[in-house]
Amino acid sequence: MSIPKLTTQSVQATAKFCAAWAIVAMLFSAANAADWGTLKGRFVVEGDLGEAAAVNANKDPEFCGKHNLMDEAIIVGEEGALANVFVYLYLKSSKTVEIHPDLEKVDTEPVLLDNKGCRFEPHALVLRVGQSLEISNSDPVAHNTNLTPTKNPGFNQIIPNDSPLAKTFEKRESYPSPAACNIHPWMKAYVLIRDNPYMTVTAADGSFEIANLPAGKHEFIFWHESKGNMKNMTFSGGKTSRKGRAKLTIPAGDTLDLGDIKVSPSVLGK
């Protein structure tokens, strides 16, 4: 049996083939890296909402009365910055979304919700399905946490000072779920539970950013506790629907900056 000889032409052809595949692989890798983008913006209240109302801390007044508590339903900071707006990717119930490799694994670190100073800290938070919600009580008085999701089982439990309560959830929720303390009825918080990482809450300066989104057209929900869906709200290049949604195109390898999103009092039910 004779072994075919390698000719100069065949060696060159093989080298060219390998080089071509290397280039294709490099291009694919570069294209793959550019298949993700970022969404950012800042919510600013346009108009006078008046002063936030003081809380009547008539339960455990010796402790709670020391904290000068205010109604946190609408928190407006400097230059009209609107905190605690939920911004998240909208998906129909049967749909899923591609997740960036860096975000595929659910964070093993729990998300913390503290009963502190007779208020919840933080007031608004996001949580992935399968991620632990750890609820603690930093106060010397009794608190309970009553969380009422729609698709997951709710709970209403006393939170001991020395033993945080840990909860996980198996289903995504369409909207943020309210949490309350029945002992101190002014205490409220909101928890958004989703099965993907593309969600956030605006900071004290009204800003938000969602990174590593799959590039292309997607629909996003804008939600605030004062009125729910932030409908008919205008921003640079678009407007939310009556359901508080907007279709946005995330640029590959770049950022879609919505700039200052001006929120009128009517959007917040005022």
Protein backbone atom coordinates (compact mmCIF):
# COMPACT_ATOMS: atom_id res chain seq x y z
CA MET A 1 0.00 0.00 0.00
CA SER A 2 1.52 3.28 -1.06
CA ILE A 3 1.28 6.43 1.04
CA PRO A 4 0.39 9.52 -1.00
CA LYS A 5 3.14 12.10 -1.09
CA LEU A 6 2.48 15.61 0.14
CA THR A 7 3.14 18.06 -2.61
CA THR A 8 4.02 21.70 -2.20
CA GLN A 9 0.61 22.59 -3.61
CA SER A 10 -1.25 20.42 -1.11
CA VAL A 11 0.70 21.85 1.82
CA GLN A 12 -0.02 25.36 0.64
CA ALA A 13 -3.70 24.54 0.16
CA THR A 14 -3.93 23.10 3.66
CA ALA A 15 -2.21 26.17 5.11
CA LYS A 16 -4.59 28.48 3.26
CA PHE A 17 -7.58 26.45 4.47
CA CYS A 18 -6.41 26.65 8.09
CA ALA A 19 -5.69 30.37 7.77
CA ALA A 20 -9.13 30.96 6.30
CA TRP A 21 -10.79 29.12 9.17
CA ALA A 22 -8.71 31.08 11.66
CA ILE A 23 -9.94 34.32 10.12
CA VAL A 24 -13.54 33.10 10.19
CA ALA A 25 -13.15 32.13 13.86
CA MET A 26 -11.68 35.55 14.66
CA LEU A 27 -14.48 37.33 12.83
CA PHE A 28 -17.08 35.17 14.58
CA SER A 29 -15.52 35.94 17.94
CA ALA A 30 -15.43 39.68 17.19
CA ALA A 31 -19.03 39.60 15.96
CA ASN A 32 -20.06 37.65 19.02
CA ALA A 33 -18.42 40.24 21.28
CA ALA A 34 -20.31 42.98 19.46
CA ASP A 35 -23.67 41.22 19.85
CA TRP A 36 -24.24 42.89 23.22
CA GLY A 37 -25.09 46.44 24.16
CA THR A 38 -26.12 48.71 27.02
CA LEU A 39 -29.22 50.73 27.89
CA LYS A 40 -28.94 53.76 30.16
CA GLY A 41 -30.77 56.95 31.07
CA ARG A 42 -31.89 59.18 33.93
CA PHE A 43 -35.37 59.95 35.24
CA VAL A 44 -36.07 63.57 36.13
CA VAL A 45 -39.34 64.93 37.52
CA GLU A 46 -40.56 67.95 35.59
CA GLY A 47 -42.93 69.94 37.78
CA ASP A 48 -43.66 70.47 41.45
CA LEU A 49 -44.81 67.47 43.45
CA GLY A 50 -44.81 69.29 46.76
CA GLU A 51 -43.13 68.11 49.93
CA ALA A 52 -43.13 64.46 51.00
CA ALA A 53 -45.50 63.83 53.90
CA ALA A 54 -44.13 62.98 57.32
CA VAL A 55 -44.99 59.56 58.70
CA ASN A 56 -47.10 59.30 61.83
CA ALA A 57 -44.89 56.83 63.69
CA ASN A 58 -47.55 55.85 66.22
CA LYS A 59 -46.27 52.28 66.65
CA ASP A 60 -43.20 51.89 68.86
CA PRO A 61 -42.95 55.71 68.96
CA GLU A 62 -40.08 55.65 71.47
CA PHE A 63 -37.85 54.10 68.80
CA CYS A 64 -39.52 54.75 65.43
CA GLY A 65 -40.31 58.37 66.30
CA LYS A 66 -36.61 59.19 66.50
CA HIS A 67 -36.01 58.61 62.77
CA ASN A 68 -37.94 61.51 61.19
CA LEU A 69 -39.63 59.13 58.78
CA MET A 70 -41.10 60.39 55.51
CA ASP A 71 -43.47 58.84 52.97
CA GLU A 72 -41.24 57.04 50.44
CA ALA A 73 -43.80 56.48 47.69
CA ILE A 74 -42.09 59.15 45.56
CA ILE A 75 -38.48 60.05 46.31
CA VAL A 76 -37.19 63.07 44.41
CA GLY A 77 -33.58 64.14 44.86
CA GLU A 78 -31.47 67.02 43.61
CA GLU A 79 -32.44 68.55 40.27
CA GLY A 80 -35.62 66.46 40.22
CA ALA A 81 -33.88 63.08 40.19
CA LEU A 82 -36.46 60.28 40.55
CA ALA A 83 -35.33 57.22 42.50
CA ASN A 84 -36.85 53.73 42.58
CA VAL A 85 -38.09 53.47 38.99
CA PHE A 86 -38.01 49.85 37.82
CA VAL A 87 -36.66 49.35 34.29
CA TYR A 88 -36.66 45.81 32.93
CA LEU A 89 -36.89 43.69 29.82
CA TYR A 90 -40.42 42.69 28.88
CA LEU A 91 -40.96 39.12 27.68
CA LYS A 92 -44.16 37.29 26.85
CA SER A 93 -44.83 34.40 29.21
CA SER A 94 -43.61 31.76 26.74
CA LYS A 95 -40.48 33.65 25.68
CA THR A 96 -36.90 33.60 26.91
CA VAL A 97 -33.90 35.74 26.04
CA GLU A 98 -30.26 35.00 25.30
CA ILE A 99 -28.13 35.85 28.32
CA HIS A 100 -24.57 37.14 28.20
CA PRO A 101 -22.04 34.47 29.29
CA ASP A 102 -20.90 36.64 32.21
CA LEU A 103 -24.47 36.77 33.53
CA GLU A 104 -25.67 33.21 32.91
CA LYS A 105 -25.06 31.96 36.45
CA VAL A 106 -27.39 33.22 39.13
CA ASP A 107 -25.43 35.14 41.75
CA THR A 108 -24.85 33.05 44.86
CA GLU A 109 -24.71 36.20 47.00
CA PRO A 110 -28.13 36.89 48.54
CA VAL A 111 -30.00 40.11 47.94
CA LEU A 112 -30.47 41.88 51.26
CA LEU A 113 -33.65 43.48 52.58
CA ASP A 114 -33.27 44.98 56.04
CA ASN A 115 -35.81 46.28 58.54
CA LYS A 116 -33.78 49.25 59.70
CA GLY A 117 -34.85 52.49 61.36
CA CYS A 118 -38.51 51.43 61.05
CA ARG A 119 -38.27 51.35 57.26
CA PHE A 120 -37.19 48.83 54.65
CA GLU A 121 -33.70 49.22 53.25
CA PRO A 122 -33.58 49.27 50.31
CA HIS A 123 -37.02 50.50 49.34
CA ALA A 124 -36.89 48.88 45.88
CA LEU A 125 -34.80 45.94 44.71
CA VAL A 126 -34.46 43.30 41.99
CA LEU A 127 -33.99 39.55 42.41
CA ARG A 128 -33.43 36.67 39.99
CA VAL A 129 -35.33 33.41 40.16
CA GLY A 130 -33.27 31.03 42.28
CA GLN A 131 -31.38 33.81 44.03
CA SER A 132 -31.78 34.10 47.80
CA LEU A 133 -33.62 37.04 49.34
CA GLU A 134 -32.25 37.54 52.85
CA ILE A 135 -34.47 39.57 55.18
CA SER A 136 -33.02 40.84 58.43
CA ASN A 137 -34.07 43.03 61.34
CA SER A 138 -31.51 45.56 62.58
CA ASP A 139 -33.96 47.27 64.95
CA PRO A 140 -34.57 46.59 68.66
CA VAL A 141 -38.33 46.35 67.96
CA ALA A 142 -40.36 43.59 66.32
CA HIS A 143 -40.96 43.64 62.56
CA ASN A 144 -42.73 41.27 60.21
CA THR A 145 -42.32 41.09 56.44
CA ASN A 146 -45.40 40.40 54.36
CA LEU A 147 -44.45 39.80 50.71
CA THR A 148 -47.33 39.27 48.27
CA PRO A 149 -46.18 38.14 44.82
CA THR A 150 -48.66 37.02 42.19
CA LYS A 151 -47.11 33.86 40.78
CA ASN A 152 -44.94 32.74 43.69
CA PRO A 153 -46.14 31.77 47.17
CA GLY A 154 -46.28 34.75 49.50
CA PHE A 155 -45.27 34.80 53.13
CA ASN A 156 -45.84 36.84 56.27
CA GLN A 157 -43.31 36.19 59.01
CA ILE A 158 -41.82 37.84 62.05
CA ILE A 159 -38.16 38.70 61.43
CA PRO A 160 -36.00 37.95 64.51
CA ASN A 161 -33.06 40.23 65.28
CA ASP A 162 -30.60 37.36 65.44
CA SER A 163 -31.82 35.14 62.61
CA PRO A 164 -32.33 36.50 59.06
CA LEU A 165 -35.03 34.90 56.95
CA ALA A 166 -33.96 33.46 53.57
CA LYS A 167 -36.40 32.96 50.69
CA THR A 168 -36.04 31.88 47.06
CA PHE A 169 -38.59 32.00 44.26
CA GLU A 170 -39.17 29.70 41.30
CA LYS A 171 -41.24 31.85 38.94
CA ARG A 172 -40.77 35.24 37.37
CA GLU A 173 -43.20 37.99 38.24
CA SER A 174 -44.67 40.39 35.70
CA TYR A 175 -44.46 43.35 38.07
CA PRO A 176 -42.72 44.28 41.33
CA SER A 177 -44.25 42.59 44.37
CA PRO A 178 -45.13 44.71 47.42
CA ALA A 179 -43.64 44.02 50.83
CA ALA A 180 -45.08 45.46 54.03
CA CYS A 181 -44.69 45.37 57.78
CA ASN A 182 -48.11 44.92 59.39
CA ILE A 183 -46.76 46.06 62.75
CA HIS A 184 -45.64 49.39 61.28
CA PRO A 185 -48.09 50.04 58.41
CA TRP A 186 -46.08 52.88 56.84
CA MET A 187 -43.25 50.45 56.02
CA LYS A 188 -43.33 49.42 52.36
CA ALA A 189 -40.90 48.04 49.81
CA TYR A 190 -41.04 46.47 46.33
CA VAL A 191 -39.23 43.38 45.02
CA LEU A 192 -39.04 42.54 41.30
CA ILE A 193 -38.44 38.83 40.63
CA ARG A 194 -37.34 37.90 37.09
CA ASP A 195 -35.69 34.91 35.43
CA ASN A 196 -33.08 36.97 33.58
CA PRO A 197 -30.60 39.65 34.72
CA TYR A 198 -31.93 42.47 32.54
CA MET A 199 -33.53 44.65 35.19
CA THR A 200 -32.58 47.50 37.47
CA VAL A 201 -33.87 50.27 39.74
CA THR A 202 -32.95 53.93 39.39
CA ALA A 203 -30.47 55.26 41.93
CA ALA A 204 -30.84 58.36 44.10
CA ASP A 205 -29.65 60.50 41.18
CA GLY A 206 -32.36 59.04 38.90
CA SER A 207 -29.87 57.13 36.74
CA PHE A 208 -30.02 53.53 35.54
CA GLU A 209 -27.96 51.22 33.36
CA ILE A 210 -28.51 47.69 32.08
CA ALA A 211 -25.37 46.22 30.53
CA ASN A 212 -24.70 43.19 28.31
CA LEU A 213 -28.12 43.12 26.71
CA PRO A 214 -28.46 41.15 23.49
CA ALA A 215 -28.27 43.58 20.60
CA GLY A 216 -31.42 44.23 18.59
CA LYS A 217 -34.97 45.36 19.19
CA HIS A 218 -36.51 44.64 22.57
CA GLU A 219 -39.41 45.89 24.65
CA PHE A 220 -38.84 47.36 28.10
CA ILE A 221 -41.17 48.14 31.00
CA PHE A 222 -40.96 51.34 33.04
CA TRP A 223 -42.75 51.01 36.38
CA HIS A 224 -43.06 53.13 39.51
CA GLU A 225 -45.02 52.32 42.65
CA SER A 226 -46.96 55.60 42.68
CA LYS A 227 -48.93 54.75 39.53
CA GLY A 228 -47.61 51.43 38.27
CA ASN A 229 -46.98 51.43 34.53
CA MET A 230 -45.42 54.75 33.49
CA LYS A 231 -47.65 55.26 30.47
CA ASN A 232 -47.47 57.99 27.82
CA MET A 233 -44.04 59.10 29.01
CA THR A 234 -41.84 60.70 26.35
CA PHE A 235 -38.09 60.31 25.99
CA SER A 236 -35.49 60.98 23.33
CA GLY A 237 -36.72 59.18 20.24
CA GLY A 238 -39.83 57.58 21.64
CA LYS A 239 -42.76 57.28 24.03
CA THR A 240 -44.07 54.60 26.37
CA SER A 241 -47.36 52.87 25.60
CA ARG A 242 -50.43 52.82 27.82
CA LYS A 243 -48.86 49.74 29.44
CA GLY A 244 -45.68 51.60 30.28
CA ARG A 245 -43.65 49.79 27.63
CA ALA A 246 -41.29 51.00 24.92
CA LYS A 247 -39.63 49.19 22.02
CA LEU A 248 -35.95 50.07 21.90
CA THR A 249 -33.08 48.96 19.66
CA ILE A 250 -29.95 48.05 21.59
CA PRO A 251 -26.87 48.80 19.45
CA ALA A 252 -24.27 46.06 19.03
CA GLY A 253 -21.12 46.90 20.95
CA ASP A 254 -22.48 50.30 21.98
CA THR A 255 -24.82 52.12 24.38
CA LEU A 256 -28.33 53.41 23.82
CA ASP A 257 -28.49 56.49 26.06
CA LEU A 258 -32.03 57.78 26.55
CA GLY A 259 -30.65 60.86 28.29
CA ASP A 260 -32.88 62.70 30.74
CA ILE A 261 -36.34 61.15 30.73
CA LYS A 262 -38.65 63.90 31.91
CA VAL A 263 -41.49 62.67 34.09
CA SER A 264 -44.56 64.85 34.53
CA PRO A 265 -46.56 64.74 37.78
CA SER A 266 -49.44 63.09 35.88
CA VAL A 267 -47.25 60.07 35.07
CA LEU A 268 -46.85 59.63 38.83
CA GLY A 269 -50.55 60.11 39.50
CA LYS A 270 -50.19 63.67 40.76
